[in-house]
PDB file of N, CA and C in Angstrom:
ATOM      1  N   MET A   1      -6.455 -20.963  -7.043  1.00  0.00           N
ATOM      2  CA  MET A   1      -6.941 -19.629  -7.352  1.00  0.00           C
ATOM      3  C   MET A   1      -8.427 -19.488  -6.978  1.00  0.00           C
ATOM      4  N   LEU A   2      -9.213 -20.469  -7.426  1.00  0.00           N
ATOM      5  CA  LEU A   2     -10.642 -20.400  -7.131  1.00  0.00           C
ATOM      6  C   LEU A   2     -10.910 -20.550  -5.632  1.00  0.00           C
ATOM      7  N   GLN A   3     -10.081 -21.321  -4.951  1.00  0.00           N
ATOM      8  CA  GLN A   3     -10.246 -21.460  -3.503  1.00  0.00           C
ATOM      9  C   GLN A   3     -10.015 -20.122  -2.810  1.00  0.00           C
ATOM     10  N   LEU A   4      -9.018 -19.376  -3.286  1.00  0.00           N
ATOM     11  CA  LEU A   4      -8.740 -18.067  -2.700  1.00  0.00           C
ATOM     12  C   LEU A   4      -9.908 -17.114  -2.957  1.00  0.00           C
ATOM     13  N   LEU A   5     -10.423 -17.120  -4.185  1.00  0.00           N
ATOM     14  CA  LEU A   5     -11.564 -16.262  -4.508  1.00  0.00           C
ATOM     15  C   LEU A   5     -12.795 -16.652  -3.697  1.00  0.00           C
ATOM     16  N   ASP A   6     -13.002 -17.957  -3.489  1.00  0.00           N
ATOM     17  CA  ASP A   6     -14.121 -18.398  -2.650  1.00  0.00           C
ATOM     18  C   ASP A   6     -13.948 -17.924  -1.206  1.00  0.00           C
ATOM     19  N   ALA A   7     -12.724 -17.970  -0.714  1.00  0.00           N
ATOM     20  CA  ALA A   7     -12.455 -17.498   0.650  1.00  0.00           C
ATOM     21  C   ALA A   7     -12.713 -15.996   0.759  1.00  0.00           C
ATOM     22  N   ILE A   8     -12.321 -15.242  -0.271  1.00  0.00           N
ATOM     23  CA  ILE A   8     -12.589 -13.802  -0.269  1.00  0.00           C
ATOM     24  C   ILE A   8     -14.095 -13.561  -0.320  1.00  0.00           C
ATOM     25  N   ARG A   9     -14.789 -14.346  -1.145  1.00  0.00           N
ATOM     26  CA  ARG A   9     -16.237 -14.180  -1.281  1.00  0.00           C
ATOM     27  C   ARG A   9     -16.944 -14.415   0.050  1.00  0.00           C
ATOM     28  N   TYR A  10     -16.528 -15.458   0.769  1.00  0.00           N
ATOM     29  CA  TYR A  10     -17.190 -15.816   2.025  1.00  0.00           C
ATOM     30  C   TYR A  10     -16.372 -15.393   3.236  1.00  0.00           C
ATOM     31  N   ILE A  11     -15.709 -14.251   3.147  1.00  0.00           N
ATOM     32  CA  ILE A  11     -14.816 -13.787   4.219  1.00  0.00           C
ATOM     33  C   ILE A  11     -15.544 -13.635   5.553  1.00  0.00           C
ATOM     34  N   LYS A  12     -16.816 -13.267   5.524  1.00  0.00           N
ATOM     35  CA  LYS A  12     -17.566 -13.081   6.773  1.00  0.00           C
ATOM     36  C   LYS A  12     -17.877 -14.408   7.457  1.00  0.00           C
ATOM     37  N   LYS A  13     -17.796 -15.507   6.713  1.00  0.00           N
ATOM     38  CA  LYS A  13     -18.167 -16.813   7.260  1.00  0.00           C
ATOM     39  C   LYS A  13     -16.967 -17.670   7.650  1.00  0.00           C
ATOM     40  N   ILE A  14     -15.755 -17.128   7.564  1.00  0.00           N
ATOM     41  CA  ILE A  14     -14.574 -17.898   7.940  1.00  0.00           C
ATOM     42  C   ILE A  14     -14.592 -18.080   9.468  1.00  0.00           C
ATOM     43  N   PRO A  15     -14.605 -19.332   9.933  1.00  0.00           N
ATOM     44  CA  PRO A  15     -14.698 -19.554  11.383  1.00  0.00           C
ATOM     45  C   PRO A  15     -13.418 -19.149  12.122  1.00  0.00           C
ATOM     46  N   ASP A  16     -13.597 -18.687  13.341  1.00  0.00           N
ATOM     47  CA  ASP A  16     -12.486 -18.321  14.239  1.00  0.00           C
ATOM     48  C   ASP A  16     -11.539 -17.291  13.642  1.00  0.00           C
ATOM     49  N   SER A  17     -12.069 -16.398  12.839  1.00  0.00           N
ATOM     50  CA  SER A  17     -11.243 -15.337  12.256  1.00  0.00           C
ATOM     51  C   SER A  17     -12.119 -14.113  12.020  1.00  0.00           C
ATOM     52  N   ASN A  18     -11.486 -12.953  12.095  1.00  0.00           N
ATOM     53  CA  ASN A  18     -12.218 -11.743  11.758  1.00  0.00           C
ATOM     54  C   ASN A  18     -11.752 -11.244  10.383  1.00  0.00           C
ATOM     55  N   ILE A  19     -12.412 -10.249   9.861  1.00  0.00           N
ATOM     56  CA  ILE A  19     -12.114  -9.756   8.516  1.00  0.00           C
ATOM     57  C   ILE A  19     -10.699  -9.182   8.438  1.00  0.00           C
ATOM     58  N   GLU A  20     -10.287  -8.479   9.485  1.00  0.00           N
ATOM     59  CA  GLU A  20      -8.937  -7.885   9.491  1.00  0.00           C
ATOM     60  C   GLU A  20      -7.853  -8.967   9.376  1.00  0.00           C
ATOM     61  N   ALA A  21      -7.951 -10.007  10.184  1.00  0.00           N
ATOM     62  CA  ALA A  21      -6.956 -11.083  10.151  1.00  0.00           C
ATOM     63  C   ALA A  21      -6.984 -11.817   8.814  1.00  0.00           C
ATOM     64  N   SER A  22      -8.185 -12.016   8.287  1.00  0.00           N
ATOM     65  CA  SER A  22      -8.307 -12.691   6.994  1.00  0.00           C
ATOM     66  C   SER A  22      -7.671 -11.864   5.882  1.00  0.00           C
ATOM     67  N   CYS A  23      -7.881 -10.559   5.905  1.00  0.00           N
ATOM     68  CA  CYS A  23      -7.276  -9.681   4.890  1.00  0.00           C
ATOM     69  C   CYS A  23      -5.749  -9.748   4.951  1.00  0.00           C
ATOM     70  N   LYS A  24      -5.210  -9.757   6.163  1.00  0.00           N
ATOM     71  CA  LYS A  24      -3.752  -9.855   6.309  1.00  0.00           C
ATOM     72  C   LYS A  24      -3.240 -11.181   5.756  1.00  0.00           C
ATOM     73  N   ARG A  25      -3.981 -12.236   5.968  1.00  0.00           N
ATOM     74  CA  ARG A  25      -3.584 -13.544   5.444  1.00  0.00           C
ATOM     75  C   ARG A  25      -3.670 -13.554   3.916  1.00  0.00           C
ATOM     76  N   PHE A  26      -4.737 -12.970   3.362  1.00  0.00           N
ATOM     77  CA  PHE A  26      -4.868 -12.888   1.900  1.00  0.00           C
ATOM     78  C   PHE A  26      -3.699 -12.107   1.297  1.00  0.00           C
ATOM     79  N   LEU A  27      -3.301 -11.016   1.964  1.00  0.00           N
ATOM     80  CA  LEU A  27      -2.160 -10.227   1.472  1.00  0.00           C
ATOM     81  C   LEU A  27      -0.896 -11.079   1.423  1.00  0.00           C
ATOM     82  N   ALA A  28      -0.678 -11.871   2.466  1.00  0.00           N
ATOM     83  CA  ALA A  28       0.512 -12.725   2.510  1.00  0.00           C
ATOM     84  C   ALA A  28       0.484 -13.768   1.400  1.00  0.00           C
ATOM     85  N   ILE A  29      -0.680 -14.318   1.133  1.00  0.00           N
ATOM     86  CA  ILE A  29      -0.804 -15.337   0.082  1.00  0.00           C
ATOM     87  C   ILE A  29      -0.593 -14.713  -1.299  1.00  0.00           C
ATOM     88  N   ILE A  30      -1.285 -13.609  -1.572  1.00  0.00           N
ATOM     89  CA  ILE A  30      -1.217 -12.981  -2.903  1.00  0.00           C
ATOM     90  C   ILE A  30       0.175 -12.404  -3.153  1.00  0.00           C
ATOM     91  N   ASN A  31       0.852 -11.981  -2.104  1.00  0.00           N
ATOM     92  CA  ASN A  31       2.191 -11.405  -2.250  1.00  0.00           C
ATOM     93  C   ASN A  31       3.177 -12.402  -2.856  1.00  0.00           C
ATOM     94  N   ASN A  32       2.930 -13.689  -2.672  1.00  0.00           N
ATOM     95  CA  ASN A  32       3.812 -14.730  -3.210  1.00  0.00           C
ATOM     96  C   ASN A  32       3.461 -15.139  -4.640  1.00  0.00           C
ATOM     97  N   PHE A  33       2.385 -14.587  -5.192  1.00  0.00           N
ATOM     98  CA  PHE A  33       1.963 -14.933  -6.544  1.00  0.00           C
ATOM     99  C   PHE A  33       2.852 -14.269  -7.585  1.00  0.00           C
ATOM    100  N   THR A  34       3.014 -14.929  -8.723  1.00  0.00           N
ATOM    101  CA  THR A  34       3.719 -14.325  -9.859  1.00  0.00           C
ATOM    102  C   THR A  34       2.751 -13.388 -10.584  1.00  0.00           C
ATOM    103  N   ASP A  35       3.275 -12.578 -11.495  1.00  0.00           N
ATOM    104  CA  ASP A  35       2.421 -11.675 -12.267  1.00  0.00           C
ATOM    105  C   ASP A  35       1.381 -12.451 -13.071  1.00  0.00           C
ATOM    106  N   LYS A  36       1.784 -13.582 -13.609  1.00  0.00           N
ATOM    107  CA  LYS A  36       0.864 -14.406 -14.406  1.00  0.00           C
ATOM    108  C   LYS A  36      -0.274 -14.926 -13.524  1.00  0.00           C
ATOM    109  N   GLU A  37       0.045 -15.356 -12.306  1.00  0.00           N
ATOM    110  CA  GLU A  37      -0.974 -15.855 -11.381  1.00  0.00           C
ATOM    111  C   GLU A  37      -1.931 -14.736 -10.962  1.00  0.00           C
ATOM    112  N   ILE A  38      -1.400 -13.538 -10.762  1.00  0.00           N
ATOM    113  CA  ILE A  38      -2.248 -12.404 -10.398  1.00  0.00           C
ATOM    114  C   ILE A  38      -3.190 -12.063 -11.540  1.00  0.00           C
ATOM    115  N   ASN A  39      -2.686 -12.075 -12.774  1.00  0.00           N
ATOM    116  CA  ASN A  39      -3.547 -11.810 -13.929  1.00  0.00           C
ATOM    117  C   ASN A  39      -4.649 -12.859 -14.043  1.00  0.00           C
ATOM    118  N   THR A  40      -4.325 -14.111 -13.779  1.00  0.00           N
ATOM    119  CA  THR A  40      -5.319 -15.184 -13.810  1.00  0.00           C
ATOM    120  C   THR A  40      -6.354 -14.965 -12.707  1.00  0.00           C
ATOM    121  N   LEU A  41      -5.899 -14.584 -11.526  1.00  0.00           N
ATOM    122  CA  LEU A  41      -6.792 -14.312 -10.398  1.00  0.00           C
ATOM    123  C   LEU A  41      -7.790 -13.211 -10.750  1.00  0.00           C
ATOM    124  N   VAL A  42      -7.301 -12.141 -11.364  1.00  0.00           N
ATOM    125  CA  VAL A  42      -8.173 -11.024 -11.755  1.00  0.00           C
ATOM    126  C   VAL A  42      -9.169 -11.483 -12.820  1.00  0.00           C
ATOM    127  N   ARG A  43      -8.695 -12.255 -13.783  1.00  0.00           N
ATOM    128  CA  ARG A  43      -9.575 -12.735 -14.855  1.00  0.00           C
ATOM    129  C   ARG A  43     -10.689 -13.611 -14.275  1.00  0.00           C
ATOM    130  N   LEU A  44     -10.348 -14.497 -13.352  1.00  0.00           N
ATOM    131  CA  LEU A  44     -11.346 -15.368 -12.733  1.00  0.00           C
ATOM    132  C   LEU A  44     -12.313 -14.593 -11.838  1.00  0.00           C
ATOM    133  N   ALA A  45     -11.869 -13.480 -11.278  1.00  0.00           N
ATOM    134  CA  ALA A  45     -12.688 -12.697 -10.349  1.00  0.00           C
ATOM    135  C   ALA A  45     -13.930 -12.117 -11.021  1.00  0.00           C
ATOM    136  N   PHE A  46     -13.908 -11.972 -12.334  1.00  0.00           N
ATOM    137  CA  PHE A  46     -15.068 -11.402 -13.029  1.00  0.00           C
ATOM    138  C   PHE A  46     -16.287 -12.317 -12.974  1.00  0.00           C
ATOM    139  N   LYS A  47     -16.100 -13.573 -12.583  1.00  0.00           N
ATOM    140  CA  LYS A  47     -17.217 -14.509 -12.420  1.00  0.00           C
ATOM    141  C   LYS A  47     -17.814 -14.431 -11.012  1.00  0.00           C
ATOM    142  N   TYR A  48     -17.230 -13.606 -10.157  1.00  0.00           N
ATOM    143  CA  TYR A  48     -17.646 -13.504  -8.762  1.00  0.00           C
ATOM    144  C   TYR A  48     -18.455 -12.228  -8.523  1.00  0.00           C
ATOM    145  N   PRO A  49     -19.163 -12.163  -7.388  1.00  0.00           N
ATOM    146  CA  PRO A  49     -19.975 -10.978  -7.068  1.00  0.00           C
ATOM    147  C   PRO A  49     -19.120  -9.706  -6.915  1.00  0.00           C
ATOM    148  N   PRO A  50     -19.759  -8.543  -7.028  1.00  0.00           N
ATOM    149  CA  PRO A  50     -19.030  -7.273  -6.944  1.00  0.00           C
ATOM    150  C   PRO A  50     -18.248  -7.080  -5.650  1.00  0.00           C
ATOM    151  N   ALA A  51     -18.773  -7.519  -4.527  1.00  0.00           N
ATOM    152  CA  ALA A  51     -18.061  -7.342  -3.255  1.00  0.00           C
ATOM    153  C   ALA A  51     -16.740  -8.110  -3.258  1.00  0.00           C
ATOM    154  N   THR A  52     -16.727  -9.263  -3.886  1.00  0.00           N
ATOM    155  CA  THR A  52     -15.499 -10.056  -3.998  1.00  0.00           C
ATOM    156  C   THR A  52     -14.488  -9.325  -4.865  1.00  0.00           C
ATOM    157  N   ARG A  53     -14.953  -8.773  -5.986  1.00  0.00           N
ATOM    158  CA  ARG A  53     -14.055  -8.032  -6.879  1.00  0.00           C
ATOM    159  C   ARG A  53     -13.509  -6.786  -6.198  1.00  0.00           C
ATOM    160  N   ALA A  54     -14.362  -6.117  -5.400  1.00  0.00           N
ATOM    161  CA  ALA A  54     -13.915  -4.914  -4.693  1.00  0.00           C
ATOM    162  C   ALA A  54     -12.832  -5.249  -3.672  1.00  0.00           C
ATOM    163  N   LEU A  55     -13.038  -6.312  -2.903  1.00  0.00           N
ATOM    164  CA  LEU A  55     -12.044  -6.681  -1.896  1.00  0.00           C
ATOM    165  C   LEU A  55     -10.750  -7.157  -2.550  1.00  0.00           C
ATOM    166  N   LEU A  56     -10.849  -7.919  -3.632  1.00  0.00           N
ATOM    167  CA  LEU A  56      -9.647  -8.345  -4.350  1.00  0.00           C
ATOM    168  C   LEU A  56      -8.905  -7.126  -4.882  1.00  0.00           C
ATOM    169  N   GLY A  57      -9.631  -6.162  -5.426  1.00  0.00           N
ATOM    170  CA  GLY A  57      -8.999  -4.940  -5.929  1.00  0.00           C
ATOM    171  C   GLY A  57      -8.281  -4.181  -4.830  1.00  0.00           C
ATOM    172  N   ALA A  58      -8.923  -4.083  -3.662  1.00  0.00           N
ATOM    173  CA  ALA A  58      -8.293  -3.397  -2.532  1.00  0.00           C
ATOM    174  C   ALA A  58      -7.033  -4.137  -2.078  1.00  0.00           C
ATOM    175  N   LEU A  59      -7.099  -5.464  -2.061  1.00  0.00           N
ATOM    176  CA  LEU A  59      -5.926  -6.262  -1.678  1.00  0.00           C
ATOM    177  C   LEU A  59      -4.781  -6.053  -2.666  1.00  0.00           C
ATOM    178  N   LEU A  60      -5.093  -6.080  -3.958  1.00  0.00           N
ATOM    179  CA  LEU A  60      -4.054  -5.911  -4.978  1.00  0.00           C
ATOM    180  C   LEU A  60      -3.490  -4.490  -4.958  1.00  0.00           C
ATOM    181  N   ASP A  61      -4.352  -3.499  -4.734  1.00  0.00           N
ATOM    182  CA  ASP A  61      -3.860  -2.116  -4.624  1.00  0.00           C
ATOM    183  C   ASP A  61      -2.902  -1.981  -3.440  1.00  0.00           C
ATOM    184  N   GLN A  62      -3.218  -2.644  -2.349  1.00  0.00           N
ATOM    185  CA  GLN A  62      -2.366  -2.609  -1.164  1.00  0.00           C
ATOM    186  C   GLN A  62      -0.974  -3.157  -1.492  1.00  0.00           C
ATOM    187  N   LEU A  63      -0.919  -4.112  -2.420  1.00  0.00           N
ATOM    188  CA  LEU A  63       0.347  -4.724  -2.827  1.00  0.00           C
ATOM    189  C   LEU A  63       0.966  -4.024  -4.042  1.00  0.00           C
ATOM    190  N   GLN A  64       0.511  -2.812  -4.335  1.00  0.00           N
ATOM    191  CA  GLN A  64       1.004  -2.009  -5.463  1.00  0.00           C
ATOM    192  C   GLN A  64       0.875  -2.739  -6.805  1.00  0.00           C
ATOM    193  N   GLN A  65      -0.252  -3.383  -7.015  1.00  0.00           N
ATOM    194  CA  GLN A  65      -0.547  -4.053  -8.287  1.00  0.00           C
ATOM    195  C   GLN A  65      -1.634  -3.267  -9.023  1.00  0.00           C
ATOM    196  N   GLY A  66      -1.517  -1.944  -9.018  1.00  0.00           N
ATOM    197  CA  GLY A  66      -2.553  -1.070  -9.549  1.00  0.00           C
ATOM    198  C   GLY A  66      -2.880  -1.260 -11.013  1.00  0.00           C
ATOM    199  N   LYS A  67      -1.928  -1.697 -11.803  1.00  0.00           N
ATOM    200  CA  LYS A  67      -2.166  -1.859 -13.238  1.00  0.00           C
ATOM    201  C   LYS A  67      -3.231  -2.908 -13.521  1.00  0.00           C
ATOM    202  N   VAL A  68      -3.215  -3.999 -12.786  1.00  0.00           N
ATOM    203  CA  VAL A  68      -4.158  -5.090 -13.044  1.00  0.00           C
ATOM    204  C   VAL A  68      -5.535  -4.836 -12.431  1.00  0.00           C
ATOM    205  N   THR A  69      -5.632  -3.869 -11.535  1.00  0.00           N
ATOM    206  CA  THR A  69      -6.910  -3.633 -10.859  1.00  0.00           C
ATOM    207  C   THR A  69      -7.824  -2.678 -11.627  1.00  0.00           C
ATOM    208  N   GLU A  70      -7.321  -2.055 -12.657  1.00  0.00           N
ATOM    209  CA  GLU A  70      -8.125  -1.068 -13.389  1.00  0.00           C
ATOM    210  C   GLU A  70      -9.418  -1.677 -13.938  1.00  0.00           C
ATOM    211  N   ALA A  71      -9.324  -2.861 -14.539  1.00  0.00           N
ATOM    212  CA  ALA A  71     -10.512  -3.520 -15.092  1.00  0.00           C
ATOM    213  C   ALA A  71     -11.485  -3.914 -13.978  1.00  0.00           C
ATOM    214  N   LEU A  72     -10.956  -4.359 -12.835  1.00  0.00           N
ATOM    215  CA  LEU A  72     -11.824  -4.687 -11.698  1.00  0.00           C
ATOM    216  C   LEU A  72     -12.582  -3.454 -11.230  1.00  0.00           C
ATOM    217  N   PHE A  73     -11.871  -2.337 -11.142  1.00  0.00           N
ATOM    218  CA  PHE A  73     -12.481  -1.100 -10.661  1.00  0.00           C
ATOM    219  C   PHE A  73     -13.594  -0.646 -11.603  1.00  0.00           C
ATOM    220  N   LYS A  74     -13.365  -0.748 -12.896  1.00  0.00           N
ATOM    221  CA  LYS A  74     -14.367  -0.325 -13.879  1.00  0.00           C
ATOM    222  C   LYS A  74     -15.585  -1.241 -13.892  1.00  0.00           C
ATOM    223  N   SER A  75     -15.441  -2.481 -13.400  1.00  0.00           N
ATOM    224  CA  SER A  75     -16.556  -3.425 -13.404  1.00  0.00           C
ATOM    225  C   SER A  75     -17.532  -3.191 -12.244  1.00  0.00           C
ATOM    226  N   LEU A  76     -17.177  -2.285 -11.330  1.00  0.00           N
ATOM    227  CA  LEU A  76     -18.000  -2.041 -10.141  1.00  0.00           C
ATOM    228  C   LEU A  76     -18.876  -0.813 -10.315  1.00  0.00           C
ATOM    229  N   ASN A  77     -20.047  -0.845  -9.690  1.00  0.00           N
ATOM    230  CA  ASN A  77     -20.933   0.304  -9.659  1.00  0.00           C
ATOM    231  C   ASN A  77     -20.316   1.336  -8.705  1.00  0.00           C
ATOM    232  N   PRO A  78     -20.087   2.571  -9.178  1.00  0.00           N
ATOM    233  CA  PRO A  78     -19.384   3.553  -8.331  1.00  0.00           C
ATOM    234  C   PRO A  78     -20.151   4.010  -7.094  1.00  0.00           C
ATOM    235  N   ILE A  79     -21.463   3.782  -7.037  1.00  0.00           N
ATOM    236  CA  ILE A  79     -22.207   4.253  -5.860  1.00  0.00           C
ATOM    237  C   ILE A  79     -22.510   3.144  -4.859  1.00  0.00           C
ATOM    238  N   THR A  80     -22.189   1.921  -5.186  1.00  0.00           N
ATOM    239  CA  THR A  80     -22.432   0.798  -4.277  1.00  0.00           C
ATOM    240  C   THR A  80     -21.367   0.764  -3.185  1.00  0.00           C
ATOM    241  N   LYS A  81     -21.819   0.539  -1.961  1.00  0.00           N
ATOM    242  CA  LYS A  81     -20.909   0.394  -0.819  1.00  0.00           C
ATOM    243  C   LYS A  81     -20.916  -1.065  -0.371  1.00  0.00           C
ATOM    244  N   TYR A  82     -19.733  -1.562   0.020  1.00  0.00           N
ATOM    245  CA  TYR A  82     -19.596  -2.951   0.452  1.00  0.00           C
ATOM    246  C   TYR A  82     -19.218  -2.956   1.925  1.00  0.00           C
ATOM    247  N   LYS A  83     -20.062  -3.569   2.749  1.00  0.00           N
ATOM    248  CA  LYS A  83     -19.847  -3.532   4.196  1.00  0.00           C
ATOM    249  C   LYS A  83     -18.995  -4.716   4.637  1.00  0.00           C
ATOM    250  N   LEU A  84     -17.734  -4.435   4.901  1.00  0.00           N
ATOM    251  CA  LEU A  84     -16.793  -5.428   5.412  1.00  0.00           C
ATOM    252  C   LEU A  84     -16.078  -4.798   6.609  1.00  0.00           C
ATOM    253  N   THR A  85     -16.713  -4.853   7.750  1.00  0.00           N
ATOM    254  CA  THR A  85     -16.193  -4.222   8.955  1.00  0.00           C
ATOM    255  C   THR A  85     -14.851  -4.837   9.343  1.00  0.00           C
ATOM    256  N   GLY A  86     -13.837  -3.990   9.476  1.00  0.00           N
ATOM    257  CA  GLY A  86     -12.514  -4.443   9.872  1.00  0.00           C
ATOM    258  C   GLY A  86     -11.527  -4.465   8.723  1.00  0.00           C
ATOM    259  N   ALA A  87     -12.017  -4.430   7.495  1.00  0.00           N
ATOM    260  CA  ALA A  87     -11.109  -4.460   6.339  1.00  0.00           C
ATOM    261  C   ALA A  87     -10.241  -3.203   6.302  1.00  0.00           C
ATOM    262  N   ALA A  88     -10.792  -2.082   6.736  1.00  0.00           N
ATOM    263  CA  ALA A  88     -10.045  -0.821   6.706  1.00  0.00           C
ATOM    264  C   ALA A  88      -8.849  -0.840   7.663  1.00  0.00           C
ATOM    265  N   LYS A  89      -8.898  -1.685   8.689  1.00  0.00           N
ATOM    266  CA  LYS A  89      -7.766  -1.777   9.622  1.00  0.00           C
ATOM    267  C   LYS A  89      -6.558  -2.450   8.967  1.00  0.00           C
ATOM    268  N   ALA A  90      -6.814  -3.364   8.035  1.00  0.00           N
ATOM    269  CA  ALA A  90      -5.727  -4.101   7.386  1.00  0.00           C
ATOM    270  C   ALA A  90      -5.338  -3.492   6.039  1.00  0.00           C
ATOM    271  N   LEU A  91      -6.267  -2.760   5.418  1.00  0.00           N
ATOM    272  CA  LEU A  91      -6.034  -2.220   4.076  1.00  0.00           C
ATOM    273  C   LEU A  91      -6.213  -0.709   4.074  1.00  0.00           C
ATOM    274  N   SER A  92      -5.292  -0.008   3.438  1.00  0.00           N
ATOM    275  CA  SER A  92      -5.404   1.450   3.352  1.00  0.00           C
ATOM    276  C   SER A  92      -6.162   1.882   2.100  1.00  0.00           C
ATOM    277  N   THR A  93      -6.535   0.942   1.257  1.00  0.00           N
ATOM    278  CA  THR A  93      -7.153   1.272  -0.032  1.00  0.00           C
ATOM    279  C   THR A  93      -8.663   1.038  -0.051  1.00  0.00           C
ATOM    280  N   THR A  94      -9.268   0.813   1.102  1.00  0.00           N
ATOM    281  CA  THR A  94     -10.695   0.473   1.133  1.00  0.00           C
ATOM    282  C   THR A  94     -11.588   1.619   0.683  1.00  0.00           C
ATOM    283  N   GLU A  95     -11.194   2.851   0.938  1.00  0.00           N
ATOM    284  CA  GLU A  95     -12.033   3.995   0.569  1.00  0.00           C
ATOM    285  C   GLU A  95     -12.228   4.079  -0.937  1.00  0.00           C
ATOM    286  N   LYS A  96     -11.168   3.863  -1.684  1.00  0.00           N
ATOM    287  CA  LYS A  96     -11.245   3.901  -3.149  1.00  0.00           C
ATOM    288  C   LYS A  96     -12.233   2.853  -3.666  1.00  0.00           C
ATOM    289  N   TRP A  97     -12.266   1.708  -3.009  1.00  0.00           N
ATOM    290  CA  TRP A  97     -13.093   0.583  -3.450  1.00  0.00           C
ATOM    291  C   TRP A  97     -14.464   0.551  -2.797  1.00  0.00           C
ATOM    292  N   ASN A  98     -14.856   1.601  -2.073  1.00  0.00           N
ATOM    293  CA  ASN A  98     -16.163   1.740  -1.420  1.00  0.00           C
ATOM    294  C   ASN A  98     -16.433   0.626  -0.406  1.00  0.00           C
ATOM    295  N   ILE A  99     -15.383   0.207   0.270  1.00  0.00           N
ATOM    296  CA  ILE A  99     -15.539  -0.801   1.320  1.00  0.00           C
ATOM    297  C   ILE A  99     -15.609  -0.061   2.650  1.00  0.00           C
ATOM    298  N   ILE A 100     -16.702  -0.292   3.378  1.00  0.00           N
ATOM    299  CA  ILE A 100     -16.901   0.410   4.659  1.00  0.00           C
ATOM    300  C   ILE A 100     -16.943  -0.586   5.809  1.00  0.00           C
TER     301      ILE A 100
END
């Protein structure tokens, strides 16, 4: 779980990959998680920076896990924008999470 959150946190530094491809891979990984694992992932995400929480929220929203993302969304500053170029190509929920 923490390895996945670390990968999301340092998404711009993943070698030989772009943000779009990384987001698609994260979706595939999270899609196989149980509800309990997703709840644990969200709980652990509160120890990470806001950009990590925003991207995790967008990933979970993409997978129709909207119930668990409410607390993540409330933990973010509504006027802050997170620059992750290419995330919008893989995720349709980036606008809600202020990811540009």
